[in-house]
Amino acid sequence: MYVIDPPKQASLAVQGSENRFPIRRIFCVGRNYEAHAREMGKDPTREAPFFFTKPADAALDTPCTIPYPLLTENLHYEIELIIAIGKGGVRIAEADVMDHVWGASVGLDMTRRDLQGEAKEMGRPWDWGKAFDQSAPIAPIKPLAEVPSIEKGRIWLAVNGKVRQDADLSDLIWSVREHVSILSHSMALAPGDVIMTGTPAGVGAVVTGDVITGGVEGIGELEVTIGPRA
């Protein structure tokens, strides 16, 4: 018995199924494509992978319309490969990582860039820039057995039909096997954990009325419309 009604379990659609994937936590890998790291003013060759988080209920199914969020005047898109963990573990060896992956998808790490920039300048956490409502639109998850590759394949994003991000999963600085293993050496991963693996170069701002489309070759595609301010 709870003193208030418990929140609804956060979840995502699954390709070809009426069943849904329950979300426990959302981890995000920061600056995991070299060109993007450089456009953000960093040298990726000197930096080990690092992680930040979003709340589970920041995720939502696509296609969708999300409101232009509160507090920001500089809302950015970031297209990312999504990894869904189906089997928990700690200190997972790189060779064993795929035994723990349930499926993959494509999603957006929506970012209040002005708030993130302020946090960076003041040495504060990124939460206000990254972990806001509906900041993780994600396409239906594809079961791993149906995924052709999480190591290579085009990843792209367009705004109003104009391509803004265009890269390949082979451009990842830290591969899925590597960064999942590294993450599991910091804390125990659990079924329902979702990992957003980083974004390529070409991030930029969107405004109300813009339509974002994107995808990862062989895995999935999404469409997100930016609605009026929340």
C-alpha atoms as a PDB file:
ATOM      1  CA  MET A   1       0.000   0.000   0.000  1.00  0.00           C
ATOM      2  CA  TYR A   2       1.320   3.433  -0.998  1.00  0.00           C
ATOM      3  CA  VAL A   3       0.417   6.799   0.522  1.00  0.00           C
ATOM      4  CA  ILE A   4      -0.007   8.222  -3.000  1.00  0.00           C
ATOM      5  CA  ASP A   5      -0.664   6.496  -6.317  1.00  0.00           C
ATOM      6  CA  PRO A   6       2.630   5.128  -7.687  1.00  0.00           C
ATOM      7  CA  PRO A   7       3.772   6.544 -11.046  1.00  0.00           C
ATOM      8  CA  LYS A   8       3.014   4.610 -14.187  1.00  0.00           C
ATOM      9  CA  GLN A   9       5.834   2.340 -15.345  1.00  0.00           C
ATOM     10  CA  ALA A  10       7.818   4.114 -18.063  1.00  0.00           C
ATOM     11  CA  SER A  11       8.072   1.979 -21.199  1.00  0.00           C
ATOM     12  CA  LEU A  12       8.715   1.966 -24.936  1.00  0.00           C
ATOM     13  CA  ALA A  13       7.040   0.302 -27.881  1.00  0.00           C
ATOM     14  CA  VAL A  14       8.571  -2.816 -29.424  1.00  0.00           C
ATOM     15  CA  GLN A  15       8.679  -3.342 -33.182  1.00  0.00           C
ATOM     16  CA  GLY A  16       6.204  -5.986 -34.359  1.00  0.00           C
ATOM     17  CA  SER A  17       4.685  -6.559 -30.923  1.00  0.00           C
ATOM     18  CA  GLU A  18       1.937  -5.267 -28.655  1.00  0.00           C
ATOM     19  CA  ASN A  19       4.248  -5.873 -25.684  1.00  0.00           C
ATOM     20  CA  ARG A  20       6.331  -3.004 -24.340  1.00  0.00           C
ATOM     21  CA  PHE A  21       9.876  -2.630 -22.996  1.00  0.00           C
ATOM     22  CA  PRO A  22       9.882  -1.338 -19.381  1.00  0.00           C
ATOM     23  CA  ILE A  23      12.436   1.383 -18.646  1.00  0.00           C
ATOM     24  CA  ARG A  24      14.409   1.381 -15.401  1.00  0.00           C
ATOM     25  CA  ARG A  25      17.041   4.068 -16.062  1.00  0.00           C
ATOM     26  CA  ILE A  26      18.359   6.065 -19.019  1.00  0.00           C
ATOM     27  CA  PHE A  27      22.134   6.465 -19.287  1.00  0.00           C
ATOM     28  CA  CYS A  28      23.686   8.761 -21.903  1.00  0.00           C
ATOM     29  CA  VAL A  29      27.251   8.655 -23.202  1.00  0.00           C
ATOM     30  CA  GLY A  30      28.762  12.106 -23.609  1.00  0.00           C
ATOM     31  CA  ARG A  31      30.774  13.157 -26.686  1.00  0.00           C
ATOM     32  CA  ASN A  32      31.140   9.717 -28.277  1.00  0.00           C
ATOM     33  CA  TYR A  33      31.734  10.841 -31.887  1.00  0.00           C
ATOM     34  CA  GLU A  34      35.023  12.603 -32.624  1.00  0.00           C
ATOM     35  CA  ALA A  35      33.606  15.267 -34.931  1.00  0.00           C
ATOM     36  CA  HIS A  36      30.876  16.161 -32.447  1.00  0.00           C
ATOM     37  CA  ALA A  37      33.372  16.336 -29.577  1.00  0.00           C
ATOM     38  CA  ARG A  38      35.464  18.760 -31.618  1.00  0.00           C
ATOM     39  CA  GLU A  39      32.448  20.915 -32.563  1.00  0.00           C
ATOM     40  CA  MET A  40      31.751  21.185 -28.819  1.00  0.00           C
ATOM     41  CA  GLY A  41      35.316  22.375 -28.222  1.00  0.00           C
ATOM     42  CA  LYS A  42      36.821  19.184 -26.796  1.00  0.00           C
ATOM     43  CA  ASP A  43      39.658  16.860 -27.821  1.00  0.00           C
ATOM     44  CA  PRO A  44      38.168  13.339 -27.739  1.00  0.00           C
ATOM     45  CA  THR A  45      41.544  11.614 -27.928  1.00  0.00           C
ATOM     46  CA  ARG A  46      42.260  12.675 -24.326  1.00  0.00           C
ATOM     47  CA  GLU A  47      38.949  11.814 -22.694  1.00  0.00           C
ATOM     48  CA  ALA A  48      37.610   8.511 -21.342  1.00  0.00           C
ATOM     49  CA  PRO A  49      33.872   7.946 -21.819  1.00  0.00           C
ATOM     50  CA  PHE A  50      31.619   9.699 -19.315  1.00  0.00           C
ATOM     51  CA  PHE A  51      27.930   9.359 -18.598  1.00  0.00           C
ATOM     52  CA  PHE A  52      24.935  11.418 -17.530  1.00  0.00           C
ATOM     53  CA  THR A  53      21.333  10.370 -16.977  1.00  0.00           C
ATOM     54  CA  LYS A  54      17.764  11.222 -17.836  1.00  0.00           C
ATOM     55  CA  PRO A  55      14.714  10.105 -15.821  1.00  0.00           C
ATOM     56  CA  ALA A  56      12.952   7.045 -17.197  1.00  0.00           C
ATOM     57  CA  ASP A  57       9.781   9.011 -17.856  1.00  0.00           C
ATOM     58  CA  ALA A  58      11.630  11.457 -20.116  1.00  0.00           C
ATOM     59  CA  ALA A  59      11.219   8.772 -22.800  1.00  0.00           C
ATOM     60  CA  LEU A  60       8.213   8.678 -25.107  1.00  0.00           C
ATOM     61  CA  ASP A  61       7.172   6.817 -28.232  1.00  0.00           C
ATOM     62  CA  THR A  62       7.574   8.232 -31.714  1.00  0.00           C
ATOM     63  CA  PRO A  63       6.111   9.593 -33.902  1.00  0.00           C
ATOM     64  CA  CYS A  64       5.123  12.319 -31.482  1.00  0.00           C
ATOM     65  CA  THR A  65       4.804  16.031 -30.885  1.00  0.00           C
ATOM     66  CA  ILE A  66       6.724  17.486 -27.948  1.00  0.00           C
ATOM     67  CA  PRO A  67       6.273  20.979 -26.526  1.00  0.00           C
ATOM     68  CA  TYR A  68       9.046  23.524 -26.767  1.00  0.00           C
ATOM     69  CA  PRO A  69      10.326  23.131 -23.184  1.00  0.00           C
ATOM     70  CA  LEU A  70      10.341  25.596 -20.328  1.00  0.00           C
ATOM     71  CA  LEU A  71      13.292  27.874 -19.448  1.00  0.00           C
ATOM     72  CA  THR A  72      15.215  27.541 -22.714  1.00  0.00           C
ATOM     73  CA  GLU A  73      15.667  29.694 -25.808  1.00  0.00           C
ATOM     74  CA  ASN A  74      18.049  27.237 -27.503  1.00  0.00           C
ATOM     75  CA  LEU A  75      16.570  23.740 -27.899  1.00  0.00           C
ATOM     76  CA  HIS A  76      18.910  21.322 -29.709  1.00  0.00           C
ATOM     77  CA  TYR A  77      18.439  17.897 -31.305  1.00  0.00           C
ATOM     78  CA  GLU A  78      20.939  15.028 -30.966  1.00  0.00           C
ATOM     79  CA  ILE A  79      20.271  11.764 -32.857  1.00  0.00           C
ATOM     80  CA  GLU A  80      21.525   8.611 -31.121  1.00  0.00           C
ATOM     81  CA  LEU A  81      21.675   4.828 -31.331  1.00  0.00           C
ATOM     82  CA  ILE A  82      19.708   3.376 -28.404  1.00  0.00           C
ATOM     83  CA  ILE A  83      20.667   0.161 -26.595  1.00  0.00           C
ATOM     84  CA  ALA A  84      18.130  -1.656 -24.399  1.00  0.00           C
ATOM     85  CA  ILE A  85      19.499  -3.935 -21.672  1.00  0.00           C
ATOM     86  CA  GLY A  86      17.617  -7.171 -21.073  1.00  0.00           C
ATOM     87  CA  LYS A  87      19.962  -8.972 -18.668  1.00  0.00           C
ATOM     88  CA  GLY A  88      21.644  -7.350 -15.706  1.00  0.00           C
ATOM     89  CA  GLY A  89      25.283  -7.612 -14.741  1.00  0.00           C
ATOM     90  CA  VAL A  90      28.269  -5.963 -13.145  1.00  0.00           C
ATOM     91  CA  ARG A  91      31.851  -5.797 -14.434  1.00  0.00           C
ATOM     92  CA  ILE A  92      30.673  -7.194 -17.776  1.00  0.00           C
ATOM     93  CA  ALA A  93      33.500  -8.170 -20.120  1.00  0.00           C
ATOM     94  CA  GLU A  94      33.413  -6.580 -23.580  1.00  0.00           C
ATOM     95  CA  ALA A  95      33.136 -10.048 -25.136  1.00  0.00           C
ATOM     96  CA  ASP A  96      29.970 -10.720 -23.106  1.00  0.00           C
ATOM     97  CA  VAL A  97      28.141  -7.410 -23.595  1.00  0.00           C
ATOM     98  CA  MET A  98      25.852  -8.636 -26.358  1.00  0.00           C
ATOM     99  CA  ASP A  99      24.521 -11.355 -24.054  1.00  0.00           C
ATOM    100  CA  HIS A 100      23.032  -8.530 -21.970  1.00  0.00           C
ATOM    101  CA  VAL A 101      21.470  -6.508 -24.823  1.00  0.00           C
ATOM    102  CA  TRP A 102      17.773  -7.056 -25.548  1.00  0.00           C
ATOM    103  CA  GLY A 103      17.446  -4.750 -28.524  1.00  0.00           C
ATOM    104  CA  ALA A 104      18.288  -1.462 -30.216  1.00  0.00           C
ATOM    105  CA  SER A 105      16.535   1.633 -31.510  1.00  0.00           C
ATOM    106  CA  VAL A 106      17.074   5.254 -32.460  1.00  0.00           C
ATOM    107  CA  GLY A 107      16.224   8.248 -30.307  1.00  0.00           C
ATOM    108  CA  LEU A 108      16.770  11.934 -29.640  1.00  0.00           C
ATOM    109  CA  ASP A 109      18.676  13.417 -26.726  1.00  0.00           C
ATOM    110  CA  MET A 110      16.871  16.762 -26.727  1.00  0.00           C
ATOM    111  CA  THR A 111      18.987  19.382 -24.992  1.00  0.00           C
ATOM    112  CA  ARG A 112      18.370  22.817 -23.520  1.00  0.00           C
ATOM    113  CA  ARG A 113      21.762  23.955 -24.797  1.00  0.00           C
ATOM    114  CA  ASP A 114      21.767  27.336 -23.092  1.00  0.00           C
ATOM    115  CA  LEU A 115      21.158  25.725 -19.696  1.00  0.00           C
ATOM    116  CA  GLN A 116      23.757  23.043 -20.380  1.00  0.00           C
ATOM    117  CA  GLY A 117      26.261  25.754 -21.333  1.00  0.00           C
ATOM    118  CA  GLU A 118      25.615  27.645 -18.104  1.00  0.00           C
ATOM    119  CA  ALA A 119      26.133  24.449 -16.116  1.00  0.00           C
ATOM    120  CA  LYS A 120      29.431  23.756 -17.876  1.00  0.00           C
ATOM    121  CA  GLU A 121      30.719  27.250 -17.175  1.00  0.00           C
ATOM    122  CA  MET A 122      29.849  26.945 -13.486  1.00  0.00           C
ATOM    123  CA  GLY A 123      31.098  23.384 -13.073  1.00  0.00           C
ATOM    124  CA  ARG A 124      27.599  22.141 -12.246  1.00  0.00           C
ATOM    125  CA  PRO A 125      25.772  18.937 -13.316  1.00  0.00           C
ATOM    126  CA  TRP A 126      24.029  18.894 -16.692  1.00  0.00           C
ATOM    127  CA  ASP A 127      20.606  17.825 -15.358  1.00  0.00           C
ATOM    128  CA  TRP A 128      18.790  21.096 -16.105  1.00  0.00           C
ATOM    129  CA  GLY A 129      20.002  20.996 -19.695  1.00  0.00           C
ATOM    130  CA  LYS A 130      19.408  17.303 -20.341  1.00  0.00           C
ATOM    131  CA  ALA A 131      16.904  15.723 -17.935  1.00  0.00           C
ATOM    132  CA  PHE A 132      13.677  17.610 -18.635  1.00  0.00           C
ATOM    133  CA  ASP A 133      10.196  16.350 -19.539  1.00  0.00           C
ATOM    134  CA  GLN A 134       9.864  14.509 -22.871  1.00  0.00           C
ATOM    135  CA  SER A 135      13.554  14.977 -23.641  1.00  0.00           C
ATOM    136  CA  ALA A 136      14.055  11.427 -24.980  1.00  0.00           C
ATOM    137  CA  PRO A 137      11.721  10.577 -27.885  1.00  0.00           C
ATOM    138  CA  ILE A 138      12.596   7.018 -28.958  1.00  0.00           C
ATOM    139  CA  ALA A 139      11.390   4.845 -31.852  1.00  0.00           C
ATOM    140  CA  PRO A 140      10.072   1.321 -31.179  1.00  0.00           C
ATOM    141  CA  ILE A 141      12.815  -1.024 -30.002  1.00  0.00           C
ATOM    142  CA  LYS A 142      13.955  -3.744 -32.396  1.00  0.00           C
ATOM    143  CA  PRO A 143      14.814  -7.124 -30.816  1.00  0.00           C
ATOM    144  CA  LEU A 144      18.519  -7.878 -31.079  1.00  0.00           C
ATOM    145  CA  ALA A 145      18.006 -10.978 -33.218  1.00  0.00           C
ATOM    146  CA  GLU A 146      16.543  -8.720 -35.929  1.00  0.00           C
ATOM    147  CA  VAL A 147      19.242  -6.010 -35.710  1.00  0.00           C
ATOM    148  CA  PRO A 148      21.771  -6.287 -38.569  1.00  0.00           C
ATOM    149  CA  SER A 149      24.567  -4.443 -36.741  1.00  0.00           C
ATOM    150  CA  ILE A 150      25.244  -2.057 -33.860  1.00  0.00           C
ATOM    151  CA  GLU A 151      28.807  -1.502 -35.096  1.00  0.00           C
ATOM    152  CA  LYS A 152      28.182  -0.043 -38.551  1.00  0.00           C
ATOM    153  CA  GLY A 153      25.356   1.578 -40.475  1.00  0.00           C
ATOM    154  CA  ARG A 154      24.235   5.094 -41.323  1.00  0.00           C
ATOM    155  CA  ILE A 155      22.892   7.330 -38.557  1.00  0.00           C
ATOM    156  CA  TRP A 156      21.213  10.514 -39.753  1.00  0.00           C
ATOM    157  CA  LEU A 157      18.866  13.359 -38.839  1.00  0.00           C
ATOM    158  CA  ALA A 158      16.998  15.954 -40.880  1.00  0.00           C
ATOM    159  CA  VAL A 159      15.033  19.065 -39.916  1.00  0.00           C
ATOM    160  CA  ASN A 160      12.156  19.930 -42.250  1.00  0.00           C
ATOM    161  CA  GLY A 161      13.680  17.558 -44.803  1.00  0.00           C
ATOM    162  CA  LYS A 162      17.188  19.047 -44.715  1.00  0.00           C
ATOM    163  CA  VAL A 163      19.872  16.647 -43.499  1.00  0.00           C
ATOM    164  CA  ARG A 164      21.775  18.049 -40.523  1.00  0.00           C
ATOM    165  CA  GLN A 165      23.537  14.993 -39.070  1.00  0.00           C
ATOM    166  CA  ASP A 166      24.949  12.180 -41.209  1.00  0.00           C
ATOM    167  CA  ALA A 167      27.498   9.662 -39.955  1.00  0.00           C
ATOM    168  CA  ASP A 168      28.112   5.953 -39.401  1.00  0.00           C
ATOM    169  CA  LEU A 169      28.017   3.878 -36.227  1.00  0.00           C
ATOM    170  CA  SER A 170      31.586   2.859 -37.026  1.00  0.00           C
ATOM    171  CA  ASP A 171      32.530   6.466 -36.139  1.00  0.00           C
ATOM    172  CA  LEU A 172      31.797   5.864 -32.437  1.00  0.00           C
ATOM    173  CA  ILE A 173      34.885   6.622 -30.325  1.00  0.00           C
ATOM    174  CA  TRP A 174      33.826   4.008 -27.771  1.00  0.00           C
ATOM    175  CA  SER A 175      31.924   1.075 -29.292  1.00  0.00           C
ATOM    176  CA  VAL A 176      28.765  -0.293 -27.699  1.00  0.00           C
ATOM    177  CA  ARG A 177      30.699  -3.227 -26.302  1.00  0.00           C
ATOM    178  CA  GLU A 178      33.316  -0.911 -24.826  1.00  0.00           C
ATOM    179  CA  HIS A 179      31.107   1.718 -23.218  1.00  0.00           C
ATOM    180  CA  VAL A 180      28.558  -0.778 -21.860  1.00  0.00           C
ATOM    181  CA  SER A 181      31.398  -2.728 -20.275  1.00  0.00           C
ATOM    182  CA  ILE A 182      32.892   0.458 -18.825  1.00  0.00           C
ATOM    183  CA  LEU A 183      29.520   1.539 -17.441  1.00  0.00           C
ATOM    184  CA  SER A 184      29.019  -1.858 -15.794  1.00  0.00           C
ATOM    185  CA  HIS A 185      32.312  -1.419 -13.945  1.00  0.00           C
ATOM    186  CA  SER A 186      30.821   1.648 -12.233  1.00  0.00           C
ATOM    187  CA  MET A 187      27.437   0.199 -11.260  1.00  0.00           C
ATOM    188  CA  ALA A 188      25.382  -2.916 -11.807  1.00  0.00           C
ATOM    189  CA  LEU A 189      23.308  -2.746 -14.972  1.00  0.00           C
ATOM    190  CA  ALA A 190      19.766  -4.102 -14.721  1.00  0.00           C
ATOM    191  CA  PRO A 191      17.025  -5.257 -17.099  1.00  0.00           C
ATOM    192  CA  GLY A 192      15.197  -2.201 -18.390  1.00  0.00           C
ATOM    193  CA  ASP A 193      18.235   0.068 -18.467  1.00  0.00           C
ATOM    194  CA  VAL A 194      18.459   2.116 -21.676  1.00  0.00           C
ATOM    195  CA  ILE A 195      21.704   3.566 -23.016  1.00  0.00           C
ATOM    196  CA  MET A 196      21.867   6.505 -25.427  1.00  0.00           C
ATOM    197  CA  THR A 197      25.226   6.090 -27.139  1.00  0.00           C
ATOM    198  CA  GLY A 198      26.159   9.626 -28.229  1.00  0.00           C
ATOM    199  CA  THR A 199      25.513  11.865 -31.219  1.00  0.00           C
ATOM    200  CA  PRO A 200      27.441  12.721 -34.409  1.00  0.00           C
ATOM    201  CA  ALA A 201      28.436  16.218 -35.488  1.00  0.00           C
ATOM    202  CA  GLY A 202      25.832  18.612 -36.811  1.00  0.00           C
ATOM    203  CA  VAL A 203      23.729  19.341 -33.726  1.00  0.00           C
ATOM    204  CA  GLY A 204      21.681  22.496 -33.853  1.00  0.00           C
ATOM    205  CA  ALA A 205      18.596  24.387 -32.753  1.00  0.00           C
ATOM    206  CA  VAL A 206      14.942  23.758 -33.574  1.00  0.00           C
ATOM    207  CA  VAL A 207      11.880  25.940 -33.066  1.00  0.00           C
ATOM    208  CA  THR A 208       8.137  25.466 -32.813  1.00  0.00           C
ATOM    209  CA  GLY A 209       6.777  23.933 -36.000  1.00  0.00           C
ATOM    210  CA  ASP A 210       9.980  22.148 -37.013  1.00  0.00           C
ATOM    211  CA  VAL A 211       9.731  18.459 -37.915  1.00  0.00           C
ATOM    212  CA  ILE A 212      12.685  16.245 -37.028  1.00  0.00           C
ATOM    213  CA  THR A 213      13.178  12.958 -38.856  1.00  0.00           C
ATOM    214  CA  GLY A 214      16.032  10.526 -38.475  1.00  0.00           C
ATOM    215  CA  GLY A 215      17.123   6.946 -38.199  1.00  0.00           C
ATOM    216  CA  VAL A 216      19.752   4.278 -37.901  1.00  0.00           C
ATOM    217  CA  GLU A 217      20.174   2.009 -40.902  1.00  0.00           C
ATOM    218  CA  GLY A 218      18.536  -1.388 -40.390  1.00  0.00           C
ATOM    219  CA  ILE A 219      17.256  -0.488 -36.917  1.00  0.00           C
ATOM    220  CA  GLY A 220      14.560   2.173 -37.079  1.00  0.00           C
ATOM    221  CA  GLU A 221      13.377   5.669 -37.912  1.00  0.00           C
ATOM    222  CA  LEU A 222      11.590   8.410 -35.989  1.00  0.00           C
ATOM    223  CA  GLU A 223       9.625  11.598 -36.491  1.00  0.00           C
ATOM    224  CA  VAL A 224       9.244  14.328 -33.867  1.00  0.00           C
ATOM    225  CA  THR A 225       7.406  17.629 -34.265  1.00  0.00           C
ATOM    226  CA  ILE A 226       8.231  20.589 -32.039  1.00  0.00           C
ATOM    227  CA  GLY A 227       4.992  22.000 -30.646  1.00  0.00           C
ATOM    228  CA  PRO A 228       4.201  25.313 -28.938  1.00  0.00           C
ATOM    229  CA  ARG A 229       6.019  26.293 -25.754  1.00  0.00           C
ATOM    230  CA  ALA A 230       5.013  24.248 -22.712  1.00  0.00           C
END
